[in-house]
Amino acid sequence: MQRKIFMLLIAAVVLGASGSAAWNFFNHREVGAGTLTLYGNVDIRQVQLAFNASERIATMQVREGEPVRKGQLLATLDTVRLAGNVDLQQAQLASQRQVVARLEAGSRPEEISRAQADVEAARIDADNAESNYRRMKRLAEQHFISTQQADDARAKSDAAQARYVSLQETLKLVQQGPRKEDIAAARAMLKADQAALDVASKALADASLYAPDSGIVQERILEPGDMASPQRPVYTLALTDPVWVRAYVQGPDLGKIKPGMRAEVSTDSFPGKEYRAWVGYISPSAEFTPKSVETTEVRSSLVYQARIFVCNPQGELRQGMPATVTIATGQPPVAGDDPCNHS
């Protein structure tokens, strides 16, 4: 009887210790002095790359699985139409520049001299017509000619005088040069032509697709000859930097970690290998525990999402990979420091 009681006591101690260990493991509590362990999955950003133009694809430079660097050329469009539009806008801009220059320069000296000569000739014609009218008037009064002839001479004199006045006003306009409103309108048209050229040049530049950041081509969606548009992705690019672990922290543990604290990340795929990391983000709002998170607690318990940025120089960490995060809770956060830059 005593032996059975003794065995039951031993079993109770073992079960109690096992239950305590399981509780600590599954609830992300501190497993050692000043250490917090979290469990999550690796996340990698994915970018859908598309041309900002609608044209046939001419070339595709990379394939699935190939690493690319920031700024690397990935694909190009057929540029015949786009280059022709740029040439057209350049010609229109050059023409409008000449219009503006002509208006701003005003009248040439030769134009002013010609206008002055026209005024002088009109003055002589007007004086001559006036003298002829006076003679014809005297002859009509003496009944040597008809009154109609005198009236005709008067009409010619009035017309010559009017032409003289008109050419005088023309000379003033030539001397003053173009109107300010005409110059302003020409300058505005010049700006419009410049803007049109900028748009055409941007469309031509958009015919080349470059990598926005370093990463790995995850999917090649279109091929040469396909019609590209801003709504049709050409590649899916998985960005290799940054890589982070998406983990969840319970409310009681929120006060133990802060953004900038150093961490260590390990995975089952590479046993014994630890990756340098740091706490990058802690969600300000709570959410229900996701079903993908292994826990023995009630599913409806509230947690806070945390992103632990990880150094991944060899590209070993991949999307969705389970990971374990260990954080020393007593350390101060380090602002503006990237542990990936350390050797």
C-alpha atoms as a PDB file:
ATOM      1  CA  MET A   1       0.000   0.000   0.000  1.00  0.00           C
ATOM      2  CA  GLN A   2       2.790   2.385   0.910  1.00  0.00           C
ATOM      3  CA  ARG A   3       4.575   1.494  -2.334  1.00  0.00           C
ATOM      4  CA  LYS A   4       1.485   2.485  -4.378  1.00  0.00           C
ATOM      5  CA  ILE A   5       1.184   5.796  -2.527  1.00  0.00           C
ATOM      6  CA  PHE A   6       4.864   6.502  -3.174  1.00  0.00           C
ATOM      7  CA  MET A   7       4.516   5.729  -6.898  1.00  0.00           C
ATOM      8  CA  LEU A   8       1.444   7.998  -7.155  1.00  0.00           C
ATOM      9  CA  LEU A   9       3.379  10.857  -5.517  1.00  0.00           C
ATOM     10  CA  ILE A  10       6.240  10.443  -7.992  1.00  0.00           C
ATOM     11  CA  ALA A  11       3.803  10.406 -10.931  1.00  0.00           C
ATOM     12  CA  ALA A  12       2.104  13.559  -9.648  1.00  0.00           C
ATOM     13  CA  VAL A  13       5.446  15.378  -9.391  1.00  0.00           C
ATOM     14  CA  VAL A  14       6.443  14.327 -12.908  1.00  0.00           C
ATOM     15  CA  LEU A  15       3.075  15.335 -14.365  1.00  0.00           C
ATOM     16  CA  GLY A  16       3.197  18.651 -12.544  1.00  0.00           C
ATOM     17  CA  ALA A  17       6.659  19.418 -13.889  1.00  0.00           C
ATOM     18  CA  SER A  18       5.661  18.379 -17.409  1.00  0.00           C
ATOM     19  CA  GLY A  19       2.513  20.484 -17.259  1.00  0.00           C
ATOM     20  CA  SER A  20       4.465  23.479 -16.044  1.00  0.00           C
ATOM     21  CA  ALA A  21       7.009  23.084 -18.841  1.00  0.00           C
ATOM     22  CA  ALA A  22       4.278  22.719 -21.455  1.00  0.00           C
ATOM     23  CA  TRP A  23       2.464  25.759 -20.062  1.00  0.00           C
ATOM     24  CA  ASN A  24       5.639  27.868 -20.317  1.00  0.00           C
ATOM     25  CA  PHE A  25       6.444  26.592 -23.798  1.00  0.00           C
ATOM     26  CA  PHE A  26       3.075  27.062 -25.441  1.00  0.00           C
ATOM     27  CA  ASN A  27       2.239  30.371 -23.770  1.00  0.00           C
ATOM     28  CA  HIS A  28       5.468  32.169 -24.831  1.00  0.00           C
ATOM     29  CA  ARG A  29       6.468  32.964 -21.294  1.00  0.00           C
ATOM     30  CA  GLU A  30       9.972  33.600 -20.029  1.00  0.00           C
ATOM     31  CA  VAL A  31      11.789  30.263 -20.209  1.00  0.00           C
ATOM     32  CA  GLY A  32      14.875  31.502 -18.449  1.00  0.00           C
ATOM     33  CA  ALA A  33      15.974  34.405 -16.338  1.00  0.00           C
ATOM     34  CA  GLY A  34      15.209  37.570 -18.381  1.00  0.00           C
ATOM     35  CA  THR A  35      14.476  35.664 -21.611  1.00  0.00           C
ATOM     36  CA  LEU A  36      11.271  35.692 -23.668  1.00  0.00           C
ATOM     37  CA  THR A  37      10.616  33.107 -26.368  1.00  0.00           C
ATOM     38  CA  LEU A  38       8.142  33.700 -29.209  1.00  0.00           C
ATOM     39  CA  TYR A  39       7.064  31.439 -32.042  1.00  0.00           C
ATOM     40  CA  GLY A  40       6.032  32.536 -35.502  1.00  0.00           C
ATOM     41  CA  ASN A  41       6.649  32.273 -39.232  1.00  0.00           C
ATOM     42  CA  VAL A  42       9.025  33.972 -41.662  1.00  0.00           C
ATOM     43  CA  ASP A  43       7.482  36.690 -43.830  1.00  0.00           C
ATOM     44  CA  ILE A  44       8.931  38.085 -47.062  1.00  0.00           C
ATOM     45  CA  ARG A  45       7.455  41.022 -48.957  1.00  0.00           C
ATOM     46  CA  GLN A  46       6.264  40.356 -52.495  1.00  0.00           C
ATOM     47  CA  VAL A  47       6.020  43.045 -55.170  1.00  0.00           C
ATOM     48  CA  GLN A  48       3.939  42.873 -58.337  1.00  0.00           C
ATOM     49  CA  LEU A  49       5.966  44.656 -61.046  1.00  0.00           C
ATOM     50  CA  ALA A  50       4.151  46.178 -64.043  1.00  0.00           C
ATOM     51  CA  PHE A  51       4.931  48.679 -66.795  1.00  0.00           C
ATOM     52  CA  ASN A  52       3.463  52.160 -66.428  1.00  0.00           C
ATOM     53  CA  ALA A  53       2.552  52.115 -70.134  1.00  0.00           C
ATOM     54  CA  SER A  54       0.487  50.116 -72.619  1.00  0.00           C
ATOM     55  CA  GLU A  55       2.613  48.576 -75.362  1.00  0.00           C
ATOM     56  CA  ARG A  56       3.935  45.244 -76.638  1.00  0.00           C
ATOM     57  CA  ILE A  57       6.711  43.663 -74.570  1.00  0.00           C
ATOM     58  CA  ALA A  58       9.976  43.541 -76.526  1.00  0.00           C
ATOM     59  CA  THR A  59      12.367  41.757 -74.147  1.00  0.00           C
ATOM     60  CA  MET A  60      12.296  39.874 -70.830  1.00  0.00           C
ATOM     61  CA  GLN A  61      15.690  39.871 -69.149  1.00  0.00           C
ATOM     62  CA  VAL A  62      15.307  37.463 -66.183  1.00  0.00           C
ATOM     63  CA  ARG A  63      13.551  34.215 -65.297  1.00  0.00           C
ATOM     64  CA  GLU A  64      12.051  32.626 -62.190  1.00  0.00           C
ATOM     65  CA  GLY A  65      14.469  32.015 -59.359  1.00  0.00           C
ATOM     66  CA  GLU A  66      17.104  34.482 -60.565  1.00  0.00           C
ATOM     67  CA  PRO A  67      18.385  37.005 -58.006  1.00  0.00           C
ATOM     68  CA  VAL A  68      18.223  40.640 -59.076  1.00  0.00           C
ATOM     69  CA  ARG A  69      19.738  43.790 -57.630  1.00  0.00           C
ATOM     70  CA  LYS A  70      18.133  47.173 -57.132  1.00  0.00           C
ATOM     71  CA  GLY A  71      18.010  49.147 -60.376  1.00  0.00           C
ATOM     72  CA  GLN A  72      18.616  46.130 -62.627  1.00  0.00           C
ATOM     73  CA  LEU A  73      16.825  46.139 -66.004  1.00  0.00           C
ATOM     74  CA  LEU A  74      14.145  43.446 -66.048  1.00  0.00           C
ATOM     75  CA  ALA A  75      12.123  44.018 -69.248  1.00  0.00           C
ATOM     76  CA  THR A  76      11.528  46.511 -72.080  1.00  0.00           C
ATOM     77  CA  LEU A  77       8.651  47.552 -74.339  1.00  0.00           C
ATOM     78  CA  ASP A  78       8.562  48.279 -78.067  1.00  0.00           C
ATOM     79  CA  THR A  79       9.574  51.959 -78.253  1.00  0.00           C
ATOM     80  CA  VAL A  80       8.943  52.844 -81.930  1.00  0.00           C
ATOM     81  CA  ARG A  81       5.716  54.749 -81.254  1.00  0.00           C
ATOM     82  CA  LEU A  82       6.968  56.245 -77.986  1.00  0.00           C
ATOM     83  CA  ALA A  83      10.241  57.481 -79.515  1.00  0.00           C
ATOM     84  CA  GLY A  84       8.348  59.004 -82.462  1.00  0.00           C
ATOM     85  CA  ASN A  85       6.110  60.921 -80.094  1.00  0.00           C
ATOM     86  CA  VAL A  86       9.167  62.297 -78.303  1.00  0.00           C
ATOM     87  CA  ASP A  87      10.623  63.506 -81.638  1.00  0.00           C
ATOM     88  CA  LEU A  88       7.320  65.180 -82.517  1.00  0.00           C
ATOM     89  CA  GLN A  89       7.116  67.014 -79.178  1.00  0.00           C
ATOM     90  CA  GLN A  90      10.735  68.129 -79.479  1.00  0.00           C
ATOM     91  CA  ALA A  91      10.042  69.650 -82.918  1.00  0.00           C
ATOM     92  CA  GLN A  92       6.946  71.478 -81.664  1.00  0.00           C
ATOM     93  CA  LEU A  93       8.873  72.813 -78.704  1.00  0.00           C
ATOM     94  CA  ALA A  94      11.695  74.092 -80.930  1.00  0.00           C
ATOM     95  CA  SER A  95       9.179  75.834 -83.210  1.00  0.00           C
ATOM     96  CA  GLN A  96       7.426  77.541 -80.313  1.00  0.00           C
ATOM     97  CA  ARG A  97      10.757  78.711 -78.896  1.00  0.00           C
ATOM     98  CA  GLN A  98      11.365  80.574 -82.154  1.00  0.00           C
ATOM     99  CA  VAL A  99       7.922  82.186 -81.936  1.00  0.00           C
ATOM    100  CA  VAL A 100       8.619  83.415 -78.418  1.00  0.00           C
ATOM    101  CA  ALA A 101      12.071  84.691 -79.410  1.00  0.00           C
ATOM    102  CA  ARG A 102      10.592  86.598 -82.361  1.00  0.00           C
ATOM    103  CA  LEU A 103       7.928  88.252 -80.219  1.00  0.00           C
ATOM    104  CA  GLU A 104      10.348  89.135 -77.450  1.00  0.00           C
ATOM    105  CA  ALA A 105      12.847  90.655 -79.925  1.00  0.00           C
ATOM    106  CA  GLY A 106      10.193  93.062 -81.260  1.00  0.00           C
ATOM    107  CA  SER A 107      10.297  94.754 -84.676  1.00  0.00           C
ATOM    108  CA  ARG A 108      13.498  94.769 -86.672  1.00  0.00           C
ATOM    109  CA  PRO A 109      15.043  98.102 -87.734  1.00  0.00           C
ATOM    110  CA  GLU A 110      14.344  97.236 -91.362  1.00  0.00           C
ATOM    111  CA  GLU A 111      10.627  96.804 -90.585  1.00  0.00           C
ATOM    112  CA  ILE A 112      10.514 100.194 -88.879  1.00  0.00           C
ATOM    113  CA  SER A 113      12.319 101.863 -91.811  1.00  0.00           C
ATOM    114  CA  ARG A 114       9.893 100.332 -94.281  1.00  0.00           C
ATOM    115  CA  ALA A 115       6.904 101.517 -92.239  1.00  0.00           C
ATOM    116  CA  GLN A 116       8.378 105.033 -92.120  1.00  0.00           C
ATOM    117  CA  ALA A 117       8.872 104.989 -95.873  1.00  0.00           C
ATOM    118  CA  ASP A 118       5.277 103.889 -96.396  1.00  0.00           C
ATOM    119  CA  VAL A 119       4.076 106.772 -94.207  1.00  0.00           C
ATOM    120  CA  GLU A 120       6.143 109.289 -96.151  1.00  0.00           C
ATOM    121  CA  ALA A 121       4.830 108.013 -99.490  1.00  0.00           C
ATOM    122  CA  ALA A 122       1.265 108.209 -98.188  1.00  0.00           C
ATOM    123  CA  ARG A 123       1.845 111.767 -97.009  1.00  0.00           C
ATOM    124  CA  ILE A 124       3.059 112.805-100.466  1.00  0.00           C
ATOM    125  CA  ASP A 125       0.063 111.127-102.125  1.00  0.00           C
ATOM    126  CA  ALA A 126      -2.283 112.853 -99.686  1.00  0.00           C
ATOM    127  CA  ASP A 127      -0.729 116.287-100.323  1.00  0.00           C
ATOM    128  CA  ASN A 128      -0.857 115.748-104.070  1.00  0.00           C
ATOM    129  CA  ALA A 129      -4.506 114.633-103.916  1.00  0.00           C
ATOM    130  CA  GLU A 130      -5.392 117.657-101.789  1.00  0.00           C
ATOM    131  CA  SER A 131      -3.738 120.063-104.276  1.00  0.00           C
ATOM    132  CA  ASN A 132      -5.483 118.415-107.195  1.00  0.00           C
ATOM    133  CA  TYR A 133      -8.836 118.719-105.448  1.00  0.00           C
ATOM    134  CA  ARG A 134      -8.319 122.422-104.830  1.00  0.00           C
ATOM    135  CA  ARG A 135      -7.552 123.004-108.532  1.00  0.00           C
ATOM    136  CA  MET A 136     -10.543 121.001-109.615  1.00  0.00           C
ATOM    137  CA  LYS A 137     -12.755 122.912-107.190  1.00  0.00           C
ATOM    138  CA  ARG A 138     -11.673 126.284-108.642  1.00  0.00           C
ATOM    139  CA  LEU A 139     -12.237 125.062-112.187  1.00  0.00           C
ATOM    140  CA  ALA A 140     -15.700 123.815-111.255  1.00  0.00           C
ATOM    141  CA  GLU A 141     -16.552 127.191-109.711  1.00  0.00           C
ATOM    142  CA  GLN A 142     -15.516 128.820-113.007  1.00  0.00           C
ATOM    143  CA  HIS A 143     -17.629 126.298-114.919  1.00  0.00           C
ATOM    144  CA  PHE A 144     -14.646 124.930-116.834  1.00  0.00           C
ATOM    145  CA  ILE A 145     -15.337 121.401-115.547  1.00  0.00           C
ATOM    146  CA  SER A 146     -18.344 119.663-114.131  1.00  0.00           C
ATOM    147  CA  THR A 147     -19.144 119.504-110.430  1.00  0.00           C
ATOM    148  CA  GLN A 148     -18.875 115.702-110.625  1.00  0.00           C
ATOM    149  CA  GLN A 149     -15.211 115.930-111.545  1.00  0.00           C
ATOM    150  CA  ALA A 150     -14.572 118.123-108.531  1.00  0.00           C
ATOM    151  CA  ASP A 151     -16.404 115.681-106.273  1.00  0.00           C
ATOM    152  CA  ASP A 152     -14.283 112.813-107.611  1.00  0.00           C
ATOM    153  CA  ALA A 153     -11.110 114.748-106.850  1.00  0.00           C
ATOM    154  CA  ARG A 154     -12.350 115.390-103.328  1.00  0.00           C
ATOM    155  CA  ALA A 155     -13.054 111.694-102.772  1.00  0.00           C
ATOM    156  CA  LYS A 156      -9.553 110.766-103.930  1.00  0.00           C
ATOM    157  CA  SER A 157      -8.077 113.361-101.579  1.00  0.00           C
ATOM    158  CA  ASP A 158     -10.055 112.018 -98.619  1.00  0.00           C
ATOM    159  CA  ALA A 159      -8.980 108.441 -99.406  1.00  0.00           C
ATOM    160  CA  ALA A 160      -5.328 109.443 -99.647  1.00  0.00           C
ATOM    161  CA  GLN A 161      -5.558 111.278 -96.332  1.00  0.00           C
ATOM    162  CA  ALA A 162      -7.177 108.278 -94.659  1.00  0.00           C
ATOM    163  CA  ARG A 163      -4.438 105.981 -95.969  1.00  0.00           C
ATOM    164  CA  TYR A 164      -1.824 108.380 -94.633  1.00  0.00           C
ATOM    165  CA  VAL A 165      -3.408 108.318 -91.149  1.00  0.00           C
ATOM    166  CA  SER A 166      -3.668 104.525 -91.264  1.00  0.00           C
ATOM    167  CA  LEU A 167       0.001 104.076 -92.117  1.00  0.00           C
ATOM    168  CA  GLN A 168       0.950 106.482 -89.321  1.00  0.00           C
ATOM    169  CA  GLU A 169      -0.838 104.210 -86.827  1.00  0.00           C
ATOM    170  CA  THR A 170       0.833 101.165 -88.363  1.00  0.00           C
ATOM    171  CA  LEU A 171       4.215 102.806 -87.852  1.00  0.00           C
ATOM    172  CA  LYS A 172       3.412 103.350 -84.172  1.00  0.00           C
ATOM    173  CA  LEU A 173       2.521  99.662 -83.769  1.00  0.00           C
ATOM    174  CA  VAL A 174       5.725  98.569 -85.497  1.00  0.00           C
ATOM    175  CA  GLN A 175       7.782 100.854 -83.285  1.00  0.00           C
ATOM    176  CA  GLN A 176       6.080  99.567 -80.098  1.00  0.00           C
ATOM    177  CA  GLY A 177       6.527  95.913 -81.058  1.00  0.00           C
ATOM    178  CA  PRO A 178       4.233  92.941 -80.185  1.00  0.00           C
ATOM    179  CA  ARG A 179       1.573  93.255 -77.510  1.00  0.00           C
ATOM    180  CA  LYS A 180       2.354  92.007 -74.013  1.00  0.00           C
ATOM    181  CA  GLU A 181      -0.651  89.718 -74.181  1.00  0.00           C
ATOM    182  CA  ASP A 182       0.675  88.049 -77.347  1.00  0.00           C
ATOM    183  CA  ILE A 183       4.062  87.476 -75.720  1.00  0.00           C
ATOM    184  CA  ALA A 184       2.420  86.019 -72.598  1.00  0.00           C
ATOM    185  CA  ALA A 185       0.270  83.687 -74.731  1.00  0.00           C
ATOM    186  CA  ALA A 186       3.324  82.516 -76.670  1.00  0.00           C
ATOM    187  CA  ARG A 187       5.217  81.833 -73.444  1.00  0.00           C
ATOM    188  CA  ALA A 188       2.268  79.860 -72.062  1.00  0.00           C
ATOM    189  CA  MET A 189       2.187  77.767 -75.227  1.00  0.00           C
ATOM    190  CA  LEU A 190       5.913  77.178 -74.841  1.00  0.00           C
ATOM    191  CA  LYS A 191       5.340  75.822 -71.323  1.00  0.00           C
ATOM    192  CA  ALA A 192       2.569  73.567 -72.619  1.00  0.00           C
ATOM    193  CA  ASP A 193       4.880  72.191 -75.301  1.00  0.00           C
ATOM    194  CA  GLN A 194       7.592  71.605 -72.696  1.00  0.00           C
ATOM    195  CA  ALA A 195       5.111  69.740 -70.481  1.00  0.00           C
ATOM    196  CA  ALA A 196       4.016  67.617 -73.435  1.00  0.00           C
ATOM    197  CA  LEU A 197       7.653  66.724 -74.123  1.00  0.00           C
ATOM    198  CA  ASP A 198       8.182  65.793 -70.478  1.00  0.00           C
ATOM    199  CA  VAL A 199       5.168  63.479 -70.601  1.00  0.00           C
ATOM    200  CA  ALA A 200       6.374  61.859 -73.809  1.00  0.00           C
ATOM    201  CA  SER A 201       9.893  61.439 -72.392  1.00  0.00           C
ATOM    202  CA  LYS A 202       8.485  59.883 -69.206  1.00  0.00           C
ATOM    203  CA  ALA A 203       6.425  57.436 -71.283  1.00  0.00           C
ATOM    204  CA  LEU A 204       9.577  56.464 -73.184  1.00  0.00           C
ATOM    205  CA  ALA A 205      11.505  56.003 -69.933  1.00  0.00           C
ATOM    206  CA  ASP A 206       8.656  53.862 -68.560  1.00  0.00           C
ATOM    207  CA  ALA A 207       9.224  51.461 -71.439  1.00  0.00           C
ATOM    208  CA  SER A 208      12.072  50.013 -69.335  1.00  0.00           C
ATOM    209  CA  LEU A 209      11.163  48.077 -66.194  1.00  0.00           C
ATOM    210  CA  TYR A 210      13.741  48.114 -63.380  1.00  0.00           C
ATOM    211  CA  ALA A 211      13.893  46.236 -60.076  1.00  0.00           C
ATOM    212  CA  PRO A 212      12.741  48.529 -57.237  1.00  0.00           C
ATOM    213  CA  ASP A 213      14.904  46.631 -54.757  1.00  0.00           C
ATOM    214  CA  SER A 214      17.078  43.544 -54.452  1.00  0.00           C
ATOM    215  CA  GLY A 215      15.245  40.240 -54.408  1.00  0.00           C
ATOM    216  CA  ILE A 216      14.453  37.008 -56.218  1.00  0.00           C
ATOM    217  CA  VAL A 217      12.160  36.637 -59.207  1.00  0.00           C
ATOM    218  CA  GLN A 218       9.358  34.498 -57.855  1.00  0.00           C
ATOM    219  CA  GLU A 219       7.153  34.430 -60.966  1.00  0.00           C
ATOM    220  CA  ARG A 220       7.507  35.491 -64.611  1.00  0.00           C
ATOM    221  CA  ILE A 221       3.942  36.205 -65.696  1.00  0.00           C
ATOM    222  CA  LEU A 222       4.156  37.706 -69.210  1.00  0.00           C
ATOM    223  CA  GLU A 223       6.382  36.992 -72.206  1.00  0.00           C
ATOM    224  CA  PRO A 224       7.734  38.993 -75.199  1.00  0.00           C
ATOM    225  CA  GLY A 225       4.876  39.866 -77.533  1.00  0.00           C
ATOM    226  CA  ASP A 226       2.303  40.144 -74.756  1.00  0.00           C
ATOM    227  CA  MET A 227       0.468  43.445 -74.393  1.00  0.00           C
ATOM    228  CA  ALA A 228       1.612  45.145 -71.193  1.00  0.00           C
ATOM    229  CA  SER A 229      -0.383  47.656 -69.173  1.00  0.00           C
ATOM    230  CA  PRO A 230      -0.278  49.144 -65.658  1.00  0.00           C
ATOM    231  CA  GLN A 231      -2.977  46.640 -64.640  1.00  0.00           C
ATOM    232  CA  ARG A 232      -1.046  43.542 -65.820  1.00  0.00           C
ATOM    233  CA  PRO A 233       1.917  42.450 -63.643  1.00  0.00           C
ATOM    234  CA  VAL A 234       4.997  41.248 -65.492  1.00  0.00           C
ATOM    235  CA  TYR A 235       6.960  39.763 -62.592  1.00  0.00           C
ATOM    236  CA  THR A 236       6.402  38.874 -58.969  1.00  0.00           C
ATOM    237  CA  LEU A 237       9.504  39.849 -56.992  1.00  0.00           C
ATOM    238  CA  ALA A 238      10.225  38.484 -53.504  1.00  0.00           C
ATOM    239  CA  LEU A 239      12.275  41.075 -51.616  1.00  0.00           C
ATOM    240  CA  THR A 240      15.130  39.516 -49.684  1.00  0.00           C
ATOM    241  CA  ASP A 241      15.647  42.517 -47.431  1.00  0.00           C
ATOM    242  CA  PRO A 242      14.053  42.975 -45.044  1.00  0.00           C
ATOM    243  CA  VAL A 243      12.997  39.530 -43.853  1.00  0.00           C
ATOM    244  CA  TRP A 244      11.072  39.230 -40.620  1.00  0.00           C
ATOM    245  CA  VAL A 245       9.335  36.761 -38.366  1.00  0.00           C
ATOM    246  CA  ARG A 246       5.655  37.429 -37.712  1.00  0.00           C
ATOM    247  CA  ALA A 247       5.013  36.428 -34.097  1.00  0.00           C
ATOM    248  CA  TYR A 248       2.315  37.167 -31.521  1.00  0.00           C
ATOM    249  CA  VAL A 249       2.833  38.504 -27.997  1.00  0.00           C
ATOM    250  CA  GLN A 250       0.353  38.118 -25.162  1.00  0.00           C
ATOM    251  CA  GLY A 251      -0.703  41.123 -23.130  1.00  0.00           C
ATOM    252  CA  PRO A 252       1.291  40.257 -19.983  1.00  0.00           C
ATOM    253  CA  ASP A 253       4.495  40.095 -22.056  1.00  0.00           C
ATOM    254  CA  LEU A 254       4.087  43.456 -23.812  1.00  0.00           C
ATOM    255  CA  GLY A 255       6.035  45.333 -21.154  1.00  0.00           C
ATOM    256  CA  LYS A 256       9.046  43.047 -21.595  1.00  0.00           C
ATOM    257  CA  ILE A 257       9.923  43.944 -25.206  1.00  0.00           C
ATOM    258  CA  LYS A 258      10.350  47.207 -27.082  1.00  0.00           C
ATOM    259  CA  PRO A 259      11.214  48.082 -30.688  1.00  0.00           C
ATOM    260  CA  GLY A 260      14.972  48.056 -31.240  1.00  0.00           C
ATOM    261  CA  MET A 261      15.764  45.227 -28.794  1.00  0.00           C
ATOM    262  CA  ARG A 262      18.171  42.584 -30.088  1.00  0.00           C
ATOM    263  CA  ALA A 263      16.926  39.048 -30.674  1.00  0.00           C
ATOM    264  CA  GLU A 264      18.029  35.656 -31.950  1.00  0.00           C
ATOM    265  CA  VAL A 265      16.045  33.585 -34.457  1.00  0.00           C
ATOM    266  CA  SER A 266      16.367  29.847 -35.089  1.00  0.00           C
ATOM    267  CA  THR A 267      14.541  27.414 -37.384  1.00  0.00           C
ATOM    268  CA  ASP A 268      14.027  23.679 -37.638  1.00  0.00           C
ATOM    269  CA  SER A 269      15.518  23.703 -41.144  1.00  0.00           C
ATOM    270  CA  PHE A 270      18.955  24.715 -39.862  1.00  0.00           C
ATOM    271  CA  PRO A 271      19.320  23.228 -36.365  1.00  0.00           C
ATOM    272  CA  GLY A 272      21.834  24.951 -34.138  1.00  0.00           C
ATOM    273  CA  LYS A 273      22.121  28.031 -36.369  1.00  0.00           C
ATOM    274  CA  GLU A 274      20.995  31.375 -34.986  1.00  0.00           C
ATOM    275  CA  TYR A 275      20.293  34.517 -36.985  1.00  0.00           C
ATOM    276  CA  ARG A 276      20.814  38.034 -35.669  1.00  0.00           C
ATOM    277  CA  ALA A 277      17.557  39.958 -35.400  1.00  0.00           C
ATOM    278  CA  TRP A 278      15.856  42.878 -33.696  1.00  0.00           C
ATOM    279  CA  VAL A 279      12.343  43.861 -32.733  1.00  0.00           C
ATOM    280  CA  GLY A 280      11.079  46.147 -35.478  1.00  0.00           C
ATOM    281  CA  TYR A 281       7.393  46.615 -34.824  1.00  0.00           C
ATOM    282  CA  ILE A 282       4.750  45.848 -32.196  1.00  0.00           C
ATOM    283  CA  SER A 283       1.123  46.313 -33.169  1.00  0.00           C
ATOM    284  CA  PRO A 284      -0.727  49.017 -31.191  1.00  0.00           C
ATOM    285  CA  SER A 285      -3.982  47.042 -31.336  1.00  0.00           C
ATOM    286  CA  ALA A 286      -4.912  43.568 -30.146  1.00  0.00           C
ATOM    287  CA  GLU A 287      -6.371  40.779 -32.252  1.00  0.00           C
ATOM    288  CA  PHE A 288      -7.662  37.282 -31.700  1.00  0.00           C
ATOM    289  CA  THR A 289      -5.072  34.547 -31.731  1.00  0.00           C
ATOM    290  CA  PRO A 290      -4.731  33.324 -35.355  1.00  0.00           C
ATOM    291  CA  LYS A 291      -5.523  29.656 -35.924  1.00  0.00           C
ATOM    292  CA  SER A 292      -2.069  29.187 -37.413  1.00  0.00           C
ATOM    293  CA  VAL A 293      -0.442  29.933 -34.049  1.00  0.00           C
ATOM    294  CA  GLU A 294       0.139  26.807 -31.971  1.00  0.00           C
ATOM    295  CA  THR A 295      -1.086  27.411 -28.431  1.00  0.00           C
ATOM    296  CA  THR A 296      -2.821  25.497 -25.690  1.00  0.00           C
ATOM    297  CA  GLU A 297      -4.772  28.528 -24.527  1.00  0.00           C
ATOM    298  CA  VAL A 298      -8.282  29.403 -25.596  1.00  0.00           C
ATOM    299  CA  ARG A 299      -8.428  30.515 -29.230  1.00  0.00           C
ATOM    300  CA  SER A 300     -10.269  33.703 -28.345  1.00  0.00           C
ATOM    301  CA  SER A 301      -7.417  35.117 -26.246  1.00  0.00           C
ATOM    302  CA  LEU A 302      -6.096  38.494 -27.442  1.00  0.00           C
ATOM    303  CA  VAL A 303      -2.527  38.886 -28.667  1.00  0.00           C
ATOM    304  CA  TYR A 304      -0.434  41.620 -30.325  1.00  0.00           C
ATOM    305  CA  GLN A 305       1.430  41.058 -33.572  1.00  0.00           C
ATOM    306  CA  ALA A 306       5.185  41.703 -33.528  1.00  0.00           C
ATOM    307  CA  ARG A 307       7.616  41.790 -36.421  1.00  0.00           C
ATOM    308  CA  ILE A 308      11.120  40.617 -35.694  1.00  0.00           C
ATOM    309  CA  PHE A 309      13.491  41.687 -38.456  1.00  0.00           C
ATOM    310  CA  VAL A 310      16.088  39.043 -39.281  1.00  0.00           C
ATOM    311  CA  CYS A 311      19.490  39.129 -40.969  1.00  0.00           C
ATOM    312  CA  ASN A 312      19.397  36.674 -43.884  1.00  0.00           C
ATOM    313  CA  PRO A 313      22.727  37.064 -45.716  1.00  0.00           C
ATOM    314  CA  GLN A 314      22.723  33.561 -47.236  1.00  0.00           C
ATOM    315  CA  GLY A 315      19.054  33.669 -48.246  1.00  0.00           C
ATOM    316  CA  GLU A 316      18.234  30.609 -46.148  1.00  0.00           C
ATOM    317  CA  LEU A 317      15.022  31.954 -44.626  1.00  0.00           C
ATOM    318  CA  ARG A 318      11.971  31.483 -46.812  1.00  0.00           C
ATOM    319  CA  GLN A 319       8.328  32.499 -46.805  1.00  0.00           C
ATOM    320  CA  GLY A 320       6.241  30.695 -44.165  1.00  0.00           C
ATOM    321  CA  MET A 321       9.148  28.897 -42.490  1.00  0.00           C
ATOM    322  CA  PRO A 322       8.424  28.263 -38.750  1.00  0.00           C
ATOM    323  CA  ALA A 323      10.842  30.150 -36.523  1.00  0.00           C
ATOM    324  CA  THR A 324      11.657  30.586 -32.840  1.00  0.00           C
ATOM    325  CA  VAL A 325      12.551  34.042 -31.506  1.00  0.00           C
ATOM    326  CA  THR A 326      14.541  34.505 -28.299  1.00  0.00           C
ATOM    327  CA  ILE A 327      14.742  37.960 -26.721  1.00  0.00           C
ATOM    328  CA  ALA A 328      16.752  39.003 -23.664  1.00  0.00           C
ATOM    329  CA  THR A 329      14.190  41.152 -21.868  1.00  0.00           C
ATOM    330  CA  GLY A 330      16.607  43.141 -19.704  1.00  0.00           C
ATOM    331  CA  GLN A 331      18.454  44.840 -22.560  1.00  0.00           C
ATOM    332  CA  PRO A 332      17.858  48.455 -23.616  1.00  0.00           C
ATOM    333  CA  PRO A 333      16.574  49.075 -27.151  1.00  0.00           C
ATOM    334  CA  VAL A 334      19.172  50.305 -29.640  1.00  0.00           C
ATOM    335  CA  ALA A 335      17.762  53.039 -31.895  1.00  0.00           C
ATOM    336  CA  GLY A 336      18.987  53.387 -35.463  1.00  0.00           C
ATOM    337  CA  ASP A 337      21.294  50.373 -35.319  1.00  0.00           C
ATOM    338  CA  ASP A 338      21.129  47.565 -37.866  1.00  0.00           C
ATOM    339  CA  PRO A 339      22.782  44.385 -36.566  1.00  0.00           C
ATOM    340  CA  CYS A 340      22.943  43.029 -40.116  1.00  0.00           C
ATOM    341  CA  ASN A 341      25.715  45.536 -40.826  1.00  0.00           C
ATOM    342  CA  HIS A 342      27.882  44.004 -38.099  1.00  0.00           C
ATOM    343  CA  SER A 343      30.338  41.246 -38.870  1.00  0.00           C
END
